[in-house]
């Protein structure tokens, strides 16, 4: 699985899928969390993508977020402004 697939693929509620060191957890029908190692990086809720962390600002963090955004664009989801809630 590719990192952008964490956005584009259907995931059953309660399931986790992995792409390298990234994973997506489908919380319920409308809410998905995207993690890189132990850092919550983004959430997808009702077709709205919101980055919630920059992680350690490493190259792998930046590349992974870029790939997630590719998935957001592919699906036509709305990207909300960065929110450092966590």
N, C-alpha and C. Protein backbone atom coordinates (compact mmCIF):
# COMPACT_ATOMS: atom_id res chain seq x y z
N UNK A 1 0.85 -1.18 0.00
CA UNK A 1 0.00 0.00 0.00
C UNK A 1 0.89 1.24 0.00
N UNK A 2 0.46 2.27 -0.72
CA UNK A 2 1.17 3.54 -0.79
C UNK A 2 0.59 4.50 0.24
N UNK A 3 1.39 5.51 0.61
CA UNK A 3 0.94 6.47 1.61
C UNK A 3 -0.33 7.18 1.15
N UNK A 4 -0.43 7.57 -0.11
CA UNK A 4 -1.65 8.26 -0.56
C UNK A 4 -2.87 7.35 -0.47
N UNK A 5 -2.67 6.03 -0.49
CA UNK A 5 -3.78 5.09 -0.35
C UNK A 5 -4.43 5.19 1.03
N UNK A 6 -3.70 5.71 2.02
CA UNK A 6 -4.26 5.89 3.36
C UNK A 6 -5.42 6.88 3.31
N UNK A 7 -5.45 7.71 2.27
CA UNK A 7 -6.55 8.66 2.06
C UNK A 7 -7.57 8.08 1.09
N UNK A 8 -7.11 7.47 0.00
CA UNK A 8 -8.00 7.12 -1.10
C UNK A 8 -8.74 5.79 -0.94
N UNK A 9 -8.20 4.86 -0.19
CA UNK A 9 -8.81 3.53 -0.08
C UNK A 9 -9.88 3.49 0.99
N UNK A 10 -10.87 2.66 0.77
CA UNK A 10 -11.90 2.42 1.77
C UNK A 10 -11.31 1.56 2.89
N UNK A 11 -11.63 1.90 4.13
CA UNK A 11 -11.17 1.14 5.29
C UNK A 11 -12.39 0.89 6.17
N UNK A 12 -12.54 -0.32 6.64
CA UNK A 12 -13.67 -0.64 7.51
C UNK A 12 -13.47 -0.04 8.90
N UNK A 13 -14.56 0.36 9.52
CA UNK A 13 -14.53 0.94 10.86
C UNK A 13 -13.79 0.00 11.82
N UNK A 14 -12.89 0.59 12.60
CA UNK A 14 -12.13 -0.16 13.58
C UNK A 14 -10.86 -0.80 13.04
N UNK A 15 -10.65 -0.72 11.73
CA UNK A 15 -9.48 -1.35 11.11
C UNK A 15 -8.34 -0.35 10.96
N UNK A 16 -7.12 -0.89 10.89
CA UNK A 16 -5.91 -0.11 10.67
C UNK A 16 -5.21 -0.67 9.45
N UNK A 17 -4.76 0.23 8.56
CA UNK A 17 -3.96 -0.19 7.40
C UNK A 17 -2.63 0.54 7.46
N UNK A 18 -1.59 -0.10 6.91
CA UNK A 18 -0.24 0.47 6.99
C UNK A 18 0.34 0.71 5.61
N UNK A 19 1.17 1.73 5.54
CA UNK A 19 1.98 2.02 4.36
C UNK A 19 3.35 2.45 4.91
N UNK A 20 4.28 1.52 4.93
CA UNK A 20 5.60 1.78 5.49
C UNK A 20 5.44 2.14 6.97
N UNK A 21 5.98 3.27 7.40
CA UNK A 21 5.88 3.68 8.80
C UNK A 21 4.65 4.54 9.06
N UNK A 22 3.78 4.65 8.08
CA UNK A 22 2.53 5.40 8.19
C UNK A 22 1.38 4.42 8.36
N UNK A 23 0.32 4.86 9.07
CA UNK A 23 -0.86 4.02 9.22
C UNK A 23 -2.11 4.89 9.31
N UNK A 24 -3.21 4.30 8.88
CA UNK A 24 -4.51 4.97 8.98
C UNK A 24 -5.41 4.11 9.84
N UNK A 25 -6.10 4.76 10.76
CA UNK A 25 -7.05 4.10 11.65
C UNK A 25 -8.43 4.67 11.36
N UNK A 26 -9.35 3.81 10.95
CA UNK A 26 -10.72 4.25 10.67
C UNK A 26 -11.49 4.20 11.98
N UNK A 27 -11.74 5.35 12.57
CA UNK A 27 -12.39 5.46 13.88
C UNK A 27 -13.87 5.11 13.78
N UNK A 28 -14.55 5.71 12.82
CA UNK A 28 -15.95 5.39 12.54
C UNK A 28 -16.17 5.63 11.05
N UNK A 29 -17.41 5.66 10.62
CA UNK A 29 -17.69 5.78 9.18
C UNK A 29 -17.18 7.07 8.56
N UNK A 30 -17.03 8.12 9.36
CA UNK A 30 -16.66 9.42 8.80
C UNK A 30 -15.33 9.98 9.31
N UNK A 31 -14.65 9.28 10.21
CA UNK A 31 -13.46 9.83 10.85
C UNK A 31 -12.28 8.86 10.74
N UNK A 32 -11.18 9.36 10.17
CA UNK A 32 -9.96 8.56 10.00
C UNK A 32 -8.78 9.35 10.55
N UNK A 33 -7.90 8.68 11.27
CA UNK A 33 -6.67 9.30 11.76
C UNK A 33 -5.49 8.73 10.98
N UNK A 34 -4.52 9.60 10.66
CA UNK A 34 -3.31 9.20 9.96
C UNK A 34 -2.12 9.43 10.89
N UNK A 35 -1.37 8.36 11.12
CA UNK A 35 -0.23 8.39 12.05
C UNK A 35 1.07 8.12 11.31
N UNK A 36 2.16 8.75 11.78
CA UNK A 36 3.51 8.42 11.34
C UNK A 36 4.27 8.03 12.59
N UNK A 37 4.62 6.77 12.67
CA UNK A 37 5.15 6.18 13.90
C UNK A 37 4.14 6.46 15.02
N UNK A 38 4.50 7.17 16.08
CA UNK A 38 3.57 7.39 17.19
C UNK A 38 2.98 8.81 17.18
N UNK A 39 3.12 9.52 16.07
CA UNK A 39 2.63 10.90 15.99
C UNK A 39 1.39 10.98 15.11
N UNK A 40 0.32 11.50 15.68
CA UNK A 40 -0.88 11.78 14.89
C UNK A 40 -0.57 12.95 13.98
N UNK A 41 -0.63 12.72 12.67
CA UNK A 41 -0.24 13.74 11.70
C UNK A 41 -1.43 14.45 11.06
N UNK A 42 -2.52 13.71 10.83
CA UNK A 42 -3.66 14.30 10.12
C UNK A 42 -4.93 13.53 10.44
N UNK A 43 -6.04 14.19 10.18
CA UNK A 43 -7.34 13.55 10.33
C UNK A 43 -8.17 13.83 9.08
N UNK A 44 -8.98 12.87 8.75
CA UNK A 44 -9.90 12.98 7.62
C UNK A 44 -11.30 12.75 8.19
N UNK A 45 -12.12 13.79 8.11
CA UNK A 45 -13.46 13.73 8.68
C UNK A 45 -14.46 14.26 7.66
N UNK A 46 -15.43 13.43 7.29
CA UNK A 46 -16.47 13.85 6.34
C UNK A 46 -15.88 14.48 5.08
N UNK A 47 -14.81 13.90 4.55
CA UNK A 47 -14.22 14.41 3.32
C UNK A 47 -13.40 15.68 3.49
N UNK A 48 -13.07 16.02 4.74
CA UNK A 48 -12.23 17.19 5.02
C UNK A 48 -10.93 16.71 5.66
N UNK A 49 -9.81 17.10 5.05
CA UNK A 49 -8.48 16.71 5.51
C UNK A 49 -7.90 17.84 6.35
N UNK A 50 -7.37 17.51 7.51
CA UNK A 50 -6.75 18.51 8.38
C UNK A 50 -5.44 17.96 8.93
N UNK A 51 -4.34 18.62 8.59
CA UNK A 51 -3.05 18.28 9.18
C UNK A 51 -3.05 18.81 10.60
N UNK A 52 -2.69 17.96 11.57
CA UNK A 52 -2.71 18.37 12.97
C UNK A 52 -1.32 18.41 13.59
N UNK A 53 -0.29 17.97 12.86
CA UNK A 53 1.07 18.01 13.38
C UNK A 53 2.06 18.09 12.23
N UNK A 54 3.20 18.71 12.48
CA UNK A 54 4.30 18.71 11.53
C UNK A 54 5.25 17.56 11.82
N UNK A 55 4.94 16.79 12.88
CA UNK A 55 5.84 15.73 13.29
C UNK A 55 7.16 16.34 13.75
N UNK A 56 8.25 15.71 13.37
CA UNK A 56 9.58 16.22 13.73
C UNK A 56 10.13 17.10 12.61
N UNK A 57 9.30 17.36 11.60
CA UNK A 57 9.67 18.17 10.45
C UNK A 57 10.81 17.52 9.65
N UNK A 58 10.86 16.21 9.71
CA UNK A 58 11.89 15.45 9.00
C UNK A 58 11.52 15.32 7.52
N UNK A 59 12.47 14.86 6.73
CA UNK A 59 12.20 14.63 5.32
C UNK A 59 11.06 13.62 5.14
N UNK A 60 11.05 12.55 5.95
CA UNK A 60 9.99 11.55 5.80
C UNK A 60 8.64 12.10 6.22
N UNK A 61 8.60 13.01 7.20
CA UNK A 61 7.35 13.66 7.57
C UNK A 61 6.84 14.51 6.40
N UNK A 62 7.72 15.32 5.83
CA UNK A 62 7.32 16.21 4.74
C UNK A 62 6.89 15.43 3.51
N UNK A 63 7.65 14.39 3.16
CA UNK A 63 7.31 13.59 1.98
C UNK A 63 5.99 12.86 2.17
N UNK A 64 5.79 12.31 3.38
CA UNK A 64 4.54 11.60 3.65
C UNK A 64 3.34 12.52 3.59
N UNK A 65 3.45 13.72 4.15
CA UNK A 65 2.35 14.68 4.10
C UNK A 65 2.06 15.10 2.66
N UNK A 66 3.10 15.26 1.85
CA UNK A 66 2.91 15.59 0.43
C UNK A 66 2.13 14.47 -0.27
N UNK A 67 2.48 13.22 0.04
CA UNK A 67 1.79 12.08 -0.57
C UNK A 67 0.34 12.00 -0.09
N UNK A 68 0.10 12.31 1.18
CA UNK A 68 -1.28 12.35 1.68
C UNK A 68 -2.08 13.39 0.92
N UNK A 69 -1.47 14.56 0.70
CA UNK A 69 -2.16 15.63 -0.04
C UNK A 69 -2.46 15.22 -1.48
N UNK A 70 -1.59 14.41 -2.07
CA UNK A 70 -1.89 13.88 -3.40
C UNK A 70 -3.18 13.06 -3.37
N UNK A 71 -3.34 12.26 -2.31
CA UNK A 71 -4.57 11.48 -2.16
C UNK A 71 -5.78 12.37 -1.94
N UNK A 72 -5.61 13.44 -1.17
CA UNK A 72 -6.69 14.40 -0.93
C UNK A 72 -7.13 15.02 -2.25
N UNK A 73 -6.15 15.43 -3.06
CA UNK A 73 -6.47 16.04 -4.36
C UNK A 73 -7.14 15.02 -5.28
N UNK A 74 -6.65 13.80 -5.27
CA UNK A 74 -7.22 12.76 -6.12
C UNK A 74 -8.69 12.51 -5.80
N UNK A 75 -9.03 12.54 -4.52
CA UNK A 75 -10.41 12.30 -4.10
C UNK A 75 -11.28 13.57 -4.15
N UNK A 76 -10.65 14.73 -4.32
CA UNK A 76 -11.41 15.97 -4.35
C UNK A 76 -11.86 16.43 -2.98
N UNK A 77 -11.15 16.00 -1.94
CA UNK A 77 -11.50 16.40 -0.58
C UNK A 77 -11.06 17.84 -0.31
N UNK A 78 -11.68 18.46 0.66
CA UNK A 78 -11.33 19.80 1.10
C UNK A 78 -10.17 19.71 2.09
N UNK A 79 -9.18 20.58 1.94
CA UNK A 79 -8.09 20.64 2.92
C UNK A 79 -8.30 21.85 3.81
N UNK A 80 -8.45 21.60 5.09
CA UNK A 80 -8.63 22.67 6.07
C UNK A 80 -7.26 23.23 6.45
N UNK A 81 -7.22 24.46 6.99
CA UNK A 81 -5.95 25.04 7.43
C UNK A 81 -5.29 24.18 8.51
N UNK A 82 -3.97 24.21 8.56
CA UNK A 82 -3.21 23.47 9.57
C UNK A 82 -3.73 23.79 10.96
N UNK A 83 -3.86 22.77 11.77
CA UNK A 83 -4.36 22.93 13.13
C UNK A 83 -3.46 22.12 14.06
N UNK A 84 -2.70 22.82 14.90
CA UNK A 84 -1.82 22.10 15.84
C UNK A 84 -2.57 21.86 17.15
N UNK A 85 -3.58 21.00 17.04
CA UNK A 85 -4.41 20.70 18.21
C UNK A 85 -3.73 19.75 19.17
N UNK A 86 -2.77 18.97 18.69
CA UNK A 86 -2.17 17.94 19.53
C UNK A 86 -0.73 18.28 19.83
